[in-house]
């Protein structure tokens, strides 16, 4: 069993920044799991935001949704089993509940269907 706990959400004005953190724990979690972030706005479908997969040593692969490229940055610390999402130049349309996710298979995590592990979510609200 794996537990994912998000933190760092809040209210920010347009153009501001927030940093979300996700901590993974559990005896079955391993550092090779892909980890990432999804979000769900009111009356919208859950959508992929960013993901990272460890490639060995200090090398990681990162992928971003088009709508956050150049604004958001994902980072991972395997020693601490944490993944962060730095969000800059926030827009009102970024308002959503942000969920941390983990899965042994990167392709499964990327699609967002049948993902093994989900966090409870953290609210991000951006005012105009």
N, C-alpha and C. Protein backbone atom coordinates (compact mmCIF):
# COMPACT_ATOMS: atom_id res chain seq x y z
N UNK A 1 0.84 -1.19 0.00
CA UNK A 1 0.00 0.00 0.00
C UNK A 1 0.88 1.25 0.00
N UNK A 2 0.49 2.24 -0.82
CA UNK A 2 1.21 3.49 -0.94
C UNK A 2 0.27 4.64 -0.59
N UNK A 3 0.76 5.58 0.19
CA UNK A 3 0.00 6.78 0.52
C UNK A 3 0.69 7.99 -0.09
N UNK A 4 -0.09 8.89 -0.69
CA UNK A 4 0.41 10.12 -1.27
C UNK A 4 -0.29 11.29 -0.58
N UNK A 5 0.49 12.24 -0.08
CA UNK A 5 -0.05 13.38 0.64
C UNK A 5 0.45 14.67 0.00
N UNK A 6 -0.50 15.49 -0.50
CA UNK A 6 -0.16 16.76 -1.13
C UNK A 6 -0.21 17.90 -0.12
N UNK A 7 0.55 18.94 -0.41
CA UNK A 7 0.53 20.16 0.38
C UNK A 7 0.95 21.33 -0.50
N UNK A 8 0.71 22.55 -0.05
CA UNK A 8 1.16 23.74 -0.74
C UNK A 8 0.10 24.50 -1.51
N UNK A 9 -1.11 23.99 -1.58
CA UNK A 9 -2.17 24.70 -2.27
C UNK A 9 -2.59 25.95 -1.51
N UNK A 10 -3.34 26.81 -2.19
CA UNK A 10 -3.80 28.04 -1.56
C UNK A 10 -4.38 29.00 -2.56
N UNK A 11 -4.56 30.23 -2.13
CA UNK A 11 -5.12 31.30 -2.96
C UNK A 11 -4.01 32.26 -3.36
N UNK A 12 -3.94 32.58 -4.64
CA UNK A 12 -2.92 33.48 -5.15
C UNK A 12 -3.51 34.35 -6.25
N UNK A 13 -2.98 35.54 -6.42
CA UNK A 13 -3.43 36.42 -7.50
C UNK A 13 -2.81 36.00 -8.82
N UNK A 14 -3.48 36.35 -9.91
CA UNK A 14 -2.95 36.05 -11.24
C UNK A 14 -1.54 36.60 -11.39
N UNK A 15 -0.66 35.79 -11.97
CA UNK A 15 0.73 36.16 -12.12
C UNK A 15 1.61 35.70 -10.98
N UNK A 16 1.02 35.22 -9.91
CA UNK A 16 1.76 34.75 -8.77
C UNK A 16 2.25 33.32 -8.91
N UNK A 17 2.84 32.81 -7.83
CA UNK A 17 3.43 31.47 -7.85
C UNK A 17 3.02 30.66 -6.63
N UNK A 18 3.00 29.35 -6.81
CA UNK A 18 2.81 28.40 -5.72
C UNK A 18 3.71 27.20 -5.97
N UNK A 19 4.08 26.52 -4.90
CA UNK A 19 4.85 25.28 -5.02
C UNK A 19 4.11 24.18 -4.29
N UNK A 20 3.69 23.16 -5.04
CA UNK A 20 3.01 22.01 -4.47
C UNK A 20 4.02 20.91 -4.18
N UNK A 21 3.78 20.17 -3.10
CA UNK A 21 4.63 19.06 -2.74
C UNK A 21 3.79 17.81 -2.52
N UNK A 22 4.37 16.67 -2.84
CA UNK A 22 3.72 15.38 -2.63
C UNK A 22 4.72 14.44 -1.99
N UNK A 23 4.33 13.85 -0.87
CA UNK A 23 5.18 12.90 -0.16
C UNK A 23 4.58 11.50 -0.27
N UNK A 24 5.39 10.55 -0.70
CA UNK A 24 4.96 9.16 -0.84
C UNK A 24 5.50 8.34 0.32
N UNK A 25 4.68 7.42 0.80
CA UNK A 25 5.10 6.52 1.86
C UNK A 25 4.42 5.17 1.67
N UNK A 26 4.96 4.16 2.36
CA UNK A 26 4.42 2.82 2.26
C UNK A 26 5.50 1.81 1.91
N UNK A 27 5.34 0.61 2.42
CA UNK A 27 6.38 -0.41 2.24
C UNK A 27 6.50 -0.89 0.80
N UNK A 28 5.45 -0.73 -0.02
CA UNK A 28 5.49 -1.21 -1.39
C UNK A 28 5.97 -0.16 -2.38
N UNK A 29 6.13 1.09 -1.94
CA UNK A 29 6.58 2.13 -2.85
C UNK A 29 8.07 1.97 -3.15
N UNK A 30 8.43 2.11 -4.43
CA UNK A 30 9.83 2.07 -4.83
C UNK A 30 10.14 3.32 -5.65
N UNK A 31 11.41 3.70 -5.63
CA UNK A 31 11.80 4.96 -6.26
C UNK A 31 11.68 4.96 -7.77
N UNK A 32 11.55 3.80 -8.39
CA UNK A 32 11.40 3.73 -9.84
C UNK A 32 9.98 4.03 -10.32
N UNK A 33 9.03 4.15 -9.41
CA UNK A 33 7.65 4.50 -9.80
C UNK A 33 7.64 5.85 -10.49
N UNK A 34 6.85 5.97 -11.55
CA UNK A 34 6.58 7.27 -12.14
C UNK A 34 5.65 8.05 -11.21
N UNK A 35 5.88 9.36 -11.12
CA UNK A 35 5.04 10.21 -10.28
C UNK A 35 4.68 11.46 -11.07
N UNK A 36 3.51 12.02 -10.76
CA UNK A 36 3.09 13.20 -11.49
C UNK A 36 1.92 13.90 -10.85
N UNK A 37 1.38 14.87 -11.61
CA UNK A 37 0.29 15.72 -11.13
C UNK A 37 -0.83 15.80 -12.15
N UNK A 38 -2.05 15.76 -11.66
CA UNK A 38 -3.25 15.99 -12.44
C UNK A 38 -4.04 17.10 -11.77
N UNK A 39 -5.02 17.65 -12.48
CA UNK A 39 -5.89 18.65 -11.87
C UNK A 39 -7.31 18.49 -12.39
N UNK A 40 -8.25 18.97 -11.58
CA UNK A 40 -9.65 18.92 -11.98
C UNK A 40 -10.34 20.21 -11.53
N UNK A 41 -10.79 20.97 -12.51
CA UNK A 41 -11.53 22.20 -12.25
C UNK A 41 -13.01 21.89 -12.11
N UNK A 42 -13.78 22.80 -11.50
CA UNK A 42 -15.22 22.56 -11.37
C UNK A 42 -15.88 22.29 -12.71
N UNK A 43 -16.68 21.25 -12.76
CA UNK A 43 -17.43 20.86 -13.95
C UNK A 43 -16.53 20.52 -15.14
N UNK A 44 -15.29 20.16 -14.87
CA UNK A 44 -14.36 19.76 -15.92
C UNK A 44 -13.84 18.35 -15.64
N UNK A 45 -13.33 17.71 -16.68
CA UNK A 45 -12.71 16.40 -16.53
C UNK A 45 -11.32 16.56 -15.92
N UNK A 46 -10.88 15.53 -15.22
CA UNK A 46 -9.53 15.52 -14.70
C UNK A 46 -8.54 15.52 -15.87
N UNK A 47 -7.49 16.34 -15.79
CA UNK A 47 -6.54 16.44 -16.88
C UNK A 47 -5.10 16.31 -16.39
N UNK A 48 -4.26 15.80 -17.25
CA UNK A 48 -2.85 15.62 -16.96
C UNK A 48 -2.14 16.96 -16.92
N UNK A 49 -1.22 17.13 -15.95
CA UNK A 49 -0.44 18.36 -15.82
C UNK A 49 1.04 18.10 -16.11
N UNK A 50 1.65 17.19 -15.36
CA UNK A 50 3.08 16.91 -15.51
C UNK A 50 3.41 15.57 -14.88
N UNK A 51 4.50 14.96 -15.33
CA UNK A 51 4.95 13.69 -14.77
C UNK A 51 6.46 13.58 -14.88
N UNK A 52 7.03 12.76 -14.02
CA UNK A 52 8.47 12.51 -14.06
C UNK A 52 8.73 11.03 -13.80
N UNK A 53 9.74 10.50 -14.48
CA UNK A 53 10.12 9.10 -14.34
C UNK A 53 11.63 9.04 -14.14
N UNK A 54 12.06 8.32 -13.12
CA UNK A 54 13.47 8.18 -12.82
C UNK A 54 14.13 7.25 -13.83
N UNK A 55 15.25 7.69 -14.42
CA UNK A 55 15.97 6.91 -15.41
C UNK A 55 17.28 6.35 -14.88
N UNK A 56 17.51 6.45 -13.59
CA UNK A 56 18.72 5.96 -12.97
C UNK A 56 19.65 7.10 -12.59
N UNK A 57 20.34 6.93 -11.47
CA UNK A 57 21.22 7.98 -11.01
C UNK A 57 20.47 9.26 -10.74
N UNK A 58 20.96 10.36 -11.30
CA UNK A 58 20.29 11.65 -11.15
C UNK A 58 19.55 12.07 -12.41
N UNK A 59 19.30 11.14 -13.33
CA UNK A 59 18.66 11.44 -14.60
C UNK A 59 17.17 11.14 -14.51
N UNK A 60 16.36 12.13 -14.86
CA UNK A 60 14.90 12.00 -14.84
C UNK A 60 14.33 12.46 -16.17
N UNK A 61 13.21 11.84 -16.56
CA UNK A 61 12.45 12.27 -17.71
C UNK A 61 11.24 13.04 -17.21
N UNK A 62 10.96 14.16 -17.82
CA UNK A 62 9.81 14.98 -17.43
C UNK A 62 8.96 15.30 -18.65
N UNK A 63 7.66 15.31 -18.46
CA UNK A 63 6.73 15.63 -19.54
C UNK A 63 5.66 16.57 -19.00
N UNK A 64 5.29 17.57 -19.82
CA UNK A 64 4.32 18.59 -19.40
C UNK A 64 3.18 18.71 -20.40
N UNK A 65 2.00 18.98 -19.88
CA UNK A 65 0.89 19.34 -20.75
C UNK A 65 1.20 20.67 -21.43
N UNK A 66 0.69 20.85 -22.65
CA UNK A 66 0.99 22.06 -23.42
C UNK A 66 0.60 23.34 -22.69
N UNK A 67 -0.48 23.30 -21.94
CA UNK A 67 -0.99 24.52 -21.32
C UNK A 67 -0.17 24.99 -20.13
N UNK A 68 0.82 24.20 -19.69
CA UNK A 68 1.67 24.63 -18.58
C UNK A 68 3.14 24.73 -18.96
N UNK A 69 3.51 24.39 -20.17
CA UNK A 69 4.90 24.45 -20.59
C UNK A 69 5.44 25.88 -20.47
N UNK A 70 6.62 26.00 -19.86
CA UNK A 70 7.22 27.30 -19.66
C UNK A 70 6.77 28.00 -18.39
N UNK A 71 5.75 27.47 -17.72
CA UNK A 71 5.25 28.07 -16.49
C UNK A 71 5.41 27.16 -15.28
N UNK A 72 5.21 25.86 -15.47
CA UNK A 72 5.31 24.89 -14.38
C UNK A 72 6.57 24.06 -14.53
N UNK A 73 7.09 23.58 -13.41
CA UNK A 73 8.27 22.73 -13.42
C UNK A 73 8.12 21.64 -12.37
N UNK A 74 8.33 20.39 -12.77
CA UNK A 74 8.23 19.26 -11.85
C UNK A 74 9.63 18.83 -11.43
N UNK A 75 9.78 18.45 -10.18
CA UNK A 75 11.05 17.97 -9.66
C UNK A 75 10.80 16.81 -8.70
N UNK A 76 11.81 15.97 -8.54
CA UNK A 76 11.66 14.77 -7.73
C UNK A 76 12.91 14.51 -6.91
N UNK A 77 12.71 14.06 -5.68
CA UNK A 77 13.79 13.68 -4.80
C UNK A 77 13.53 12.24 -4.36
N UNK A 78 14.21 11.29 -4.99
CA UNK A 78 13.97 9.88 -4.68
C UNK A 78 14.41 9.49 -3.28
N UNK A 79 15.42 10.17 -2.76
CA UNK A 79 15.88 9.87 -1.40
C UNK A 79 14.80 10.19 -0.38
N UNK A 80 14.00 11.22 -0.65
CA UNK A 80 12.93 11.62 0.27
C UNK A 80 11.56 11.14 -0.19
N UNK A 81 11.48 10.51 -1.36
CA UNK A 81 10.21 10.06 -1.94
C UNK A 81 9.21 11.21 -2.05
N UNK A 82 9.67 12.31 -2.60
CA UNK A 82 8.82 13.47 -2.80
C UNK A 82 8.88 13.94 -4.24
N UNK A 83 7.80 14.58 -4.68
CA UNK A 83 7.76 15.22 -5.99
C UNK A 83 7.08 16.57 -5.81
N UNK A 84 7.66 17.60 -6.41
CA UNK A 84 7.15 18.96 -6.29
C UNK A 84 6.69 19.48 -7.64
N UNK A 85 5.81 20.45 -7.59
CA UNK A 85 5.36 21.15 -8.80
C UNK A 85 5.46 22.64 -8.53
N UNK A 86 6.44 23.29 -9.16
CA UNK A 86 6.59 24.74 -9.06
C UNK A 86 5.71 25.38 -10.13
N UNK A 87 4.78 26.23 -9.71
CA UNK A 87 3.83 26.84 -10.62
C UNK A 87 4.05 28.35 -10.63
N UNK A 88 4.45 28.88 -11.77
CA UNK A 88 4.69 30.31 -11.94
C UNK A 88 3.71 30.89 -12.95
N UNK A 89 3.60 32.21 -12.94
CA UNK A 89 2.71 32.92 -13.87
C UNK A 89 1.32 32.31 -13.88
N UNK A 90 0.77 32.10 -12.71
CA UNK A 90 -0.53 31.44 -12.60
C UNK A 90 -1.64 32.29 -13.20
N UNK A 91 -2.60 31.59 -13.79
CA UNK A 91 -3.75 32.21 -14.43
C UNK A 91 -5.02 31.76 -13.74
N UNK A 92 -6.10 32.55 -13.83
CA UNK A 92 -7.37 32.11 -13.23
C UNK A 92 -7.81 30.73 -13.70
N UNK A 93 -7.53 30.38 -14.95
CA UNK A 93 -7.93 29.08 -15.47
C UNK A 93 -7.12 27.93 -14.89
N UNK A 94 -6.08 28.23 -14.11
CA UNK A 94 -5.34 27.19 -13.40
C UNK A 94 -6.05 26.77 -12.12
N UNK A 95 -7.10 27.46 -11.74
CA UNK A 95 -7.86 27.12 -10.54
C UNK A 95 -8.42 25.71 -10.66
N UNK A 96 -8.09 24.86 -9.69
CA UNK A 96 -8.50 23.46 -9.72
C UNK A 96 -8.02 22.78 -8.45
N UNK A 97 -8.51 21.56 -8.24
CA UNK A 97 -7.92 20.68 -7.25
C UNK A 97 -6.79 19.91 -7.93
N UNK A 98 -5.61 19.95 -7.35
CA UNK A 98 -4.45 19.29 -7.92
C UNK A 98 -4.17 18.00 -7.16
N UNK A 99 -4.00 16.91 -7.92
CA UNK A 99 -3.81 15.59 -7.35
C UNK A 99 -2.44 15.03 -7.70
N UNK A 100 -1.77 14.49 -6.71
CA UNK A 100 -0.54 13.74 -6.92
C UNK A 100 -0.90 12.30 -7.30
N UNK A 101 -0.10 11.69 -8.16
CA UNK A 101 -0.35 10.32 -8.60
C UNK A 101 0.95 9.56 -8.77
N UNK A 102 0.88 8.24 -8.62
CA UNK A 102 2.05 7.38 -8.81
C UNK A 102 1.62 6.05 -9.41
N UNK A 103 2.50 5.49 -10.25
CA UNK A 103 2.22 4.20 -10.89
C UNK A 103 3.54 3.59 -11.35
N UNK A 104 3.65 2.26 -11.30
CA UNK A 104 4.89 1.63 -11.79
C UNK A 104 5.12 1.86 -13.29
N UNK A 105 4.05 2.11 -14.03
CA UNK A 105 4.11 2.25 -15.48
C UNK A 105 3.90 3.71 -15.88
N UNK A 106 4.91 4.30 -16.49
CA UNK A 106 4.81 5.71 -16.89
C UNK A 106 3.67 5.95 -17.87
N UNK A 107 3.47 5.03 -18.82
CA UNK A 107 2.43 5.23 -19.82
C UNK A 107 1.05 5.25 -19.17
N UNK A 108 0.85 4.43 -18.15
CA UNK A 108 -0.41 4.44 -17.41
C UNK A 108 -0.59 5.77 -16.70
N UNK A 109 0.45 6.26 -16.06
CA UNK A 109 0.37 7.54 -15.37
C UNK A 109 0.08 8.67 -16.34
N UNK A 110 0.71 8.65 -17.50
CA UNK A 110 0.54 9.71 -18.49
C UNK A 110 -0.91 9.80 -18.96
N UNK A 111 -1.54 8.65 -19.19
CA UNK A 111 -2.93 8.63 -19.65
C UNK A 111 -3.88 9.01 -18.52
N UNK A 112 -3.55 8.59 -17.30
CA UNK A 112 -4.37 8.95 -16.16
C UNK A 112 -5.53 8.01 -15.88
N UNK A 113 -5.57 6.87 -16.55
CA UNK A 113 -6.62 5.88 -16.35
C UNK A 113 -6.03 4.65 -15.67
N UNK A 114 -6.72 4.17 -14.66
CA UNK A 114 -6.30 3.00 -13.88
C UNK A 114 -4.95 3.21 -13.22
N UNK A 115 -4.69 4.44 -12.78
CA UNK A 115 -3.49 4.75 -12.02
C UNK A 115 -3.56 4.07 -10.66
N UNK A 116 -2.45 3.50 -10.22
CA UNK A 116 -2.46 2.71 -8.99
C UNK A 116 -2.72 3.54 -7.74
N UNK A 117 -2.11 4.73 -7.64
CA UNK A 117 -2.16 5.49 -6.40
C UNK A 117 -2.46 6.95 -6.66
N UNK A 118 -3.38 7.50 -5.84
CA UNK A 118 -3.78 8.91 -5.91
C UNK A 118 -3.71 9.54 -4.52
N UNK A 119 -3.34 10.82 -4.49
CA UNK A 119 -3.47 11.59 -3.27
C UNK A 119 -4.88 12.13 -3.13
N UNK A 120 -5.14 12.83 -2.03
CA UNK A 120 -6.46 13.37 -1.76
C UNK A 120 -6.72 14.70 -2.44
N UNK A 121 -5.68 15.36 -2.92
CA UNK A 121 -5.83 16.61 -3.63
C UNK A 121 -5.59 17.83 -2.76
N UNK A 122 -5.17 18.91 -3.39
CA UNK A 122 -4.99 20.19 -2.72
C UNK A 122 -5.54 21.29 -3.61
N UNK A 123 -6.28 22.23 -3.02
CA UNK A 123 -6.96 23.26 -3.79
C UNK A 123 -6.01 24.39 -4.17
N UNK A 124 -6.03 24.76 -5.44
CA UNK A 124 -5.31 25.92 -5.94
C UNK A 124 -6.34 26.88 -6.52
N UNK A 125 -6.37 28.11 -6.01
CA UNK A 125 -7.31 29.12 -6.49
C UNK A 125 -6.54 30.35 -6.92
N UNK A 126 -6.79 30.80 -8.15
CA UNK A 126 -6.10 31.95 -8.72
C UNK A 126 -7.13 33.02 -9.03
N UNK A 127 -6.98 34.18 -8.41
CA UNK A 127 -7.92 35.28 -8.61
C UNK A 127 -7.41 36.22 -9.69
N UNK A 128 -8.34 36.88 -10.38
CA UNK A 128 -7.98 37.81 -11.44
C UNK A 128 -7.77 39.20 -10.90
